[in-house]
N, C-alpha and C. Protein backbone atom coordinates (compact mmCIF):
# COMPACT_ATOMS: atom_id res chain seq x y z
N MET A 1 -2.50 -23.24 2.05
CA MET A 1 -2.99 -22.47 3.12
C MET A 1 -1.98 -21.07 2.81
N ASP A 2 -0.90 -21.08 2.65
CA ASP A 2 -0.14 -20.02 2.38
C ASP A 2 -0.64 -18.70 1.63
N ALA A 3 -1.08 -19.63 0.09
CA ALA A 3 -1.73 -19.01 -0.99
C ALA A 3 -2.97 -18.01 -0.28
N LEU A 4 -3.90 -19.35 0.15
CA LEU A 4 -4.88 -18.33 0.92
C LEU A 4 -4.52 -17.27 1.73
N TYR A 5 -3.87 -17.27 2.69
CA TYR A 5 -3.75 -16.02 3.76
C TYR A 5 -3.02 -15.10 2.92
N GLU A 6 -2.07 -15.28 1.78
CA GLU A 6 -1.22 -14.12 1.36
C GLU A 6 -2.85 -13.26 0.33
N MET A 7 -3.37 -14.04 -0.33
CA MET A 7 -4.74 -13.51 -1.11
C MET A 7 -5.98 -12.75 0.03
N ILE A 8 -6.06 -13.47 1.12
CA ILE A 8 -6.95 -12.47 2.29
C ILE A 8 -6.16 -11.14 2.30
N ILE A 9 -4.98 -11.46 2.37
CA ILE A 9 -3.84 -9.97 3.34
C ILE A 9 -4.17 -9.02 1.96
N THR A 10 -3.90 -9.77 0.77
CA THR A 10 -3.52 -8.58 -0.47
C THR A 10 -4.72 -7.92 -0.16
N LEU A 11 -6.22 -8.53 -0.46
CA LEU A 11 -7.32 -8.17 -0.49
C LEU A 11 -7.59 -6.96 0.90
N LEU A 12 -7.06 -7.10 1.90
CA LEU A 12 -7.57 -6.09 2.92
C LEU A 12 -6.88 -5.36 2.69
N MET A 13 -5.37 -5.13 2.05
CA MET A 13 -4.86 -4.23 2.18
C MET A 13 -5.09 -3.17 1.05
N ILE A 14 -5.79 -3.58 -0.20
CA ILE A 14 -6.09 -2.77 -1.03
C ILE A 14 -7.39 -2.00 -0.44
N LEU A 15 -8.55 -3.28 0.28
CA LEU A 15 -9.38 -2.06 0.83
C LEU A 15 -8.61 -1.03 1.88
N PHE A 16 -7.81 -1.41 2.54
CA PHE A 16 -7.00 -0.48 3.61
C PHE A 16 -6.24 0.88 3.06
N TRP A 17 -5.68 0.54 2.06
CA TRP A 17 -5.13 1.29 1.13
C TRP A 17 -6.06 2.28 0.46
N ALA A 18 -6.98 2.02 -0.28
CA ALA A 18 -7.96 3.13 -0.80
C ALA A 18 -8.80 3.37 0.32
N VAL A 19 -9.15 3.13 1.19
CA VAL A 19 -9.39 4.15 2.12
C VAL A 19 -8.78 5.21 2.60
N GLU A 20 -7.39 4.67 2.74
CA GLU A 20 -6.33 5.47 3.37
C GLU A 20 -6.02 6.83 2.33
N LEU A 21 -6.54 6.41 0.61
CA LEU A 21 -6.36 7.44 0.10
C LEU A 21 -7.37 8.38 0.09
N LEU A 22 -8.66 7.96 0.36
CA LEU A 22 -9.42 9.06 0.25
C LEU A 22 -9.37 9.66 1.30
N TYR A 23 -8.84 9.48 2.84
CA TYR A 23 -8.42 9.73 3.76
C TYR A 23 -7.77 11.15 3.43
N SER A 24 -6.79 10.44 2.76
CA SER A 24 -5.68 11.70 2.39
C SER A 24 -5.68 12.56 1.36
N LEU A 25 -6.86 12.29 0.47
CA LEU A 25 -7.64 13.43 -0.53
C LEU A 25 -8.13 14.05 0.17
N LEU A 26 -9.03 14.21 1.69
CA LEU A 26 -9.94 15.04 2.56
C LEU A 26 -8.70 15.80 3.19
N ASP A 27 -7.86 15.23 3.31
CA ASP A 27 -6.80 16.34 4.46
C ASP A 27 -6.35 16.89 3.48
N ARG A 28 -5.88 16.91 2.42
CA ARG A 28 -5.06 17.71 1.15
C ARG A 28 -3.90 17.86 1.34
N VAL A 29 -3.00 16.32 1.80
CA VAL A 29 -1.95 16.52 2.05
C VAL A 29 -1.07 15.34 1.04
N PHE A 30 -0.27 16.26 -0.20
CA PHE A 30 0.22 15.78 -1.04
C PHE A 30 0.83 14.42 -0.69
N ALA A 31 1.54 14.43 0.33
CA ALA A 31 3.40 13.88 0.52
C ALA A 31 1.86 12.61 0.74
N LEU A 32 1.32 12.68 1.68
CA LEU A 32 0.45 11.46 2.08
C LEU A 32 -0.63 10.93 1.36
N ILE A 33 -0.74 11.95 0.05
CA ILE A 33 -1.69 11.33 -0.98
C ILE A 33 -1.21 10.39 -2.28
N LEU A 34 0.62 11.10 -2.29
CA LEU A 34 1.43 10.26 -3.11
C LEU A 34 1.87 8.72 -2.52
N LEU A 35 2.15 8.73 -1.30
CA LEU A 35 2.02 7.72 -0.46
C LEU A 35 1.54 6.37 -0.34
N SER A 36 0.02 7.17 -0.27
CA SER A 36 -1.06 6.39 -0.04
C SER A 36 -1.16 5.46 -1.77
N PHE A 37 -1.10 6.33 -2.56
CA PHE A 37 -1.22 5.70 -3.99
C PHE A 37 -0.06 4.94 -4.50
N ILE A 38 1.11 5.05 -3.98
CA ILE A 38 1.79 3.82 -4.31
C ILE A 38 1.50 2.58 -3.25
N LEU A 39 1.31 2.56 -2.24
CA LEU A 39 0.66 1.52 -1.52
C LEU A 39 -0.30 1.03 -2.09
N LEU A 40 -1.03 1.67 -2.91
CA LEU A 40 -2.41 0.99 -3.30
C LEU A 40 -2.14 0.43 -4.35
N ILE A 41 -1.13 1.08 -5.46
CA ILE A 41 -0.73 0.48 -6.66
C ILE A 41 0.15 -0.75 -6.16
N LEU A 42 0.88 -0.55 -5.33
CA LEU A 42 1.86 -2.05 -4.77
C LEU A 42 1.42 -3.03 -4.86
N TRP A 43 -0.16 -3.10 -4.08
CA TRP A 43 -0.80 -4.02 -3.49
C TRP A 43 -1.61 -4.46 -4.67
N VAL A 44 -2.04 -3.43 -5.58
CA VAL A 44 -3.03 -3.98 -6.48
C VAL A 44 -2.09 -4.88 -7.83
N ASP A 45 -1.29 -4.32 -7.68
CA ASP A 45 0.38 -5.08 -8.62
C ASP A 45 0.02 -6.63 -8.39
N GLU A 46 -0.70 -6.93 -7.08
CA GLU A 46 -0.21 -8.31 -6.71
C GLU A 46 -1.36 -9.19 -7.65
N LEU A 47 -2.30 -8.48 -7.59
CA LEU A 47 -3.69 -9.22 -8.21
C LEU A 47 -3.41 -8.97 -10.07
N PHE A 48 -3.48 -7.70 -10.20
CA PHE A 48 -3.12 -7.39 -11.41
C PHE A 48 -1.80 -6.41 -12.00
N PRO A 49 -0.84 -7.17 -12.55
CA PRO A 49 0.59 -7.42 -12.27
C PRO A 49 0.76 -6.04 -13.73
N ILE A 50 1.21 -5.16 -13.53
CA ILE A 50 1.32 -4.10 -14.47
C ILE A 50 2.87 -4.56 -15.31
N ASN A 51 3.81 -4.83 -15.33
CA ASN A 51 4.67 -5.86 -15.58
C ASN A 51 4.97 -7.12 -15.02
N LYS A 52 4.79 -8.12 -16.05
CA LYS A 52 4.41 -9.34 -15.82
C LYS A 52 5.63 -9.89 -15.90
N GLU A 53 6.64 -9.39 -16.19
CA GLU A 53 8.08 -10.17 -16.29
C GLU A 53 9.11 -9.89 -14.74
N VAL A 54 8.45 -8.72 -14.12
CA VAL A 54 8.94 -8.58 -12.27
C VAL A 54 7.74 -8.90 -11.58
N LYS A 55 8.27 -9.94 -10.48
CA LYS A 55 7.39 -10.07 -9.47
C LYS A 55 8.14 -10.02 -8.25
N ILE A 56 6.85 -8.88 -7.92
CA ILE A 56 7.72 -8.60 -6.51
C ILE A 56 7.20 -9.49 -5.45
N PRO A 57 8.05 -10.14 -4.73
CA PRO A 57 7.53 -11.07 -3.36
C PRO A 57 6.93 -10.82 -2.37
N PHE A 58 5.80 -11.40 -2.25
CA PHE A 58 5.03 -10.93 -0.88
C PHE A 58 5.58 -10.42 0.43
N ASN A 59 7.04 -10.90 0.74
CA ASN A 59 7.53 -10.50 2.00
C ASN A 59 7.94 -9.09 1.86
N THR A 60 8.72 -8.66 0.53
CA THR A 60 8.87 -7.46 0.14
C THR A 60 7.65 -6.38 0.29
N ARG A 61 6.83 -7.01 -0.87
CA ARG A 61 5.85 -6.11 -0.36
C ARG A 61 5.28 -5.56 1.21
N VAL A 62 6.00 -6.40 2.17
CA VAL A 62 5.21 -6.14 3.44
C VAL A 62 6.09 -5.51 4.07
N PHE A 63 7.25 -5.32 3.54
CA PHE A 63 8.24 -4.81 4.20
C PHE A 63 8.25 -3.10 3.41
N ILE A 64 8.07 -3.22 2.30
CA ILE A 64 7.68 -1.81 1.54
C ILE A 64 6.57 -1.13 2.32
N THR A 65 5.44 -1.84 2.69
CA THR A 65 4.55 -1.44 2.98
C THR A 65 4.75 -0.35 4.88
N LEU A 66 5.68 -1.48 5.44
CA LEU A 66 5.92 -1.04 6.71
C LEU A 66 6.64 0.18 6.93
N LEU A 67 7.78 0.27 5.61
CA LEU A 67 8.44 1.74 5.66
C LEU A 67 7.85 2.80 5.43
N ILE A 68 6.85 2.50 4.33
CA ILE A 68 6.14 3.47 4.08
C ILE A 68 5.13 4.33 4.93
N VAL A 69 4.26 2.87 5.82
CA VAL A 69 3.54 3.55 6.89
C VAL A 69 4.60 4.25 7.90
N LEU A 70 5.75 3.64 8.32
CA LEU A 70 6.47 4.59 9.17
C LEU A 70 6.62 6.13 8.92
N THR A 71 6.83 6.26 7.48
CA THR A 71 7.22 7.41 7.02
C THR A 71 5.93 8.38 6.83
N GLN A 72 4.84 7.68 6.92
CA GLN A 72 3.47 8.02 6.92
C GLN A 72 3.37 8.86 8.23
N GLN A 73 3.72 7.79 8.92
CA GLN A 73 3.58 8.48 10.50
C GLN A 73 4.24 9.74 10.75
N ILE A 74 5.61 9.40 10.57
CA ILE A 74 6.42 10.74 10.88
C ILE A 74 5.82 11.43 10.41
N LEU A 75 5.48 11.87 9.12
CA LEU A 75 4.93 13.12 8.24
C LEU A 75 3.76 13.53 9.22
N ARG A 76 2.78 12.77 9.75
CA ARG A 76 1.39 13.36 10.62
C ARG A 76 1.62 13.92 11.53
N PHE A 77 3.19 13.41 11.77
CA PHE A 77 3.66 13.91 12.79
C PHE A 77 3.75 15.26 12.79
N PHE A 78 4.84 15.51 11.91
CA PHE A 78 5.00 16.91 11.56
C PHE A 78 4.14 18.04 11.17
N LEU A 79 2.74 17.30 10.14
CA LEU A 79 2.07 18.19 9.82
C LEU A 79 0.89 17.97 10.72
């Protein structure tokens, strides 16, 4: 059951970060575009690994996502 939940969360995160990347492109803020792109690649890597030897654990992906989301919100506040 955990694998099913992880797959659902992964698909939702890919969809969310694709939309967030488009929103950042419309705003033309390079830092937000870069952070959204990094997160999109991070979550797409779960389904289609770029480097098959390095596997990032699911909990680490969630933690990195939270850190980058916090950074994005701080940037949005100041921009």
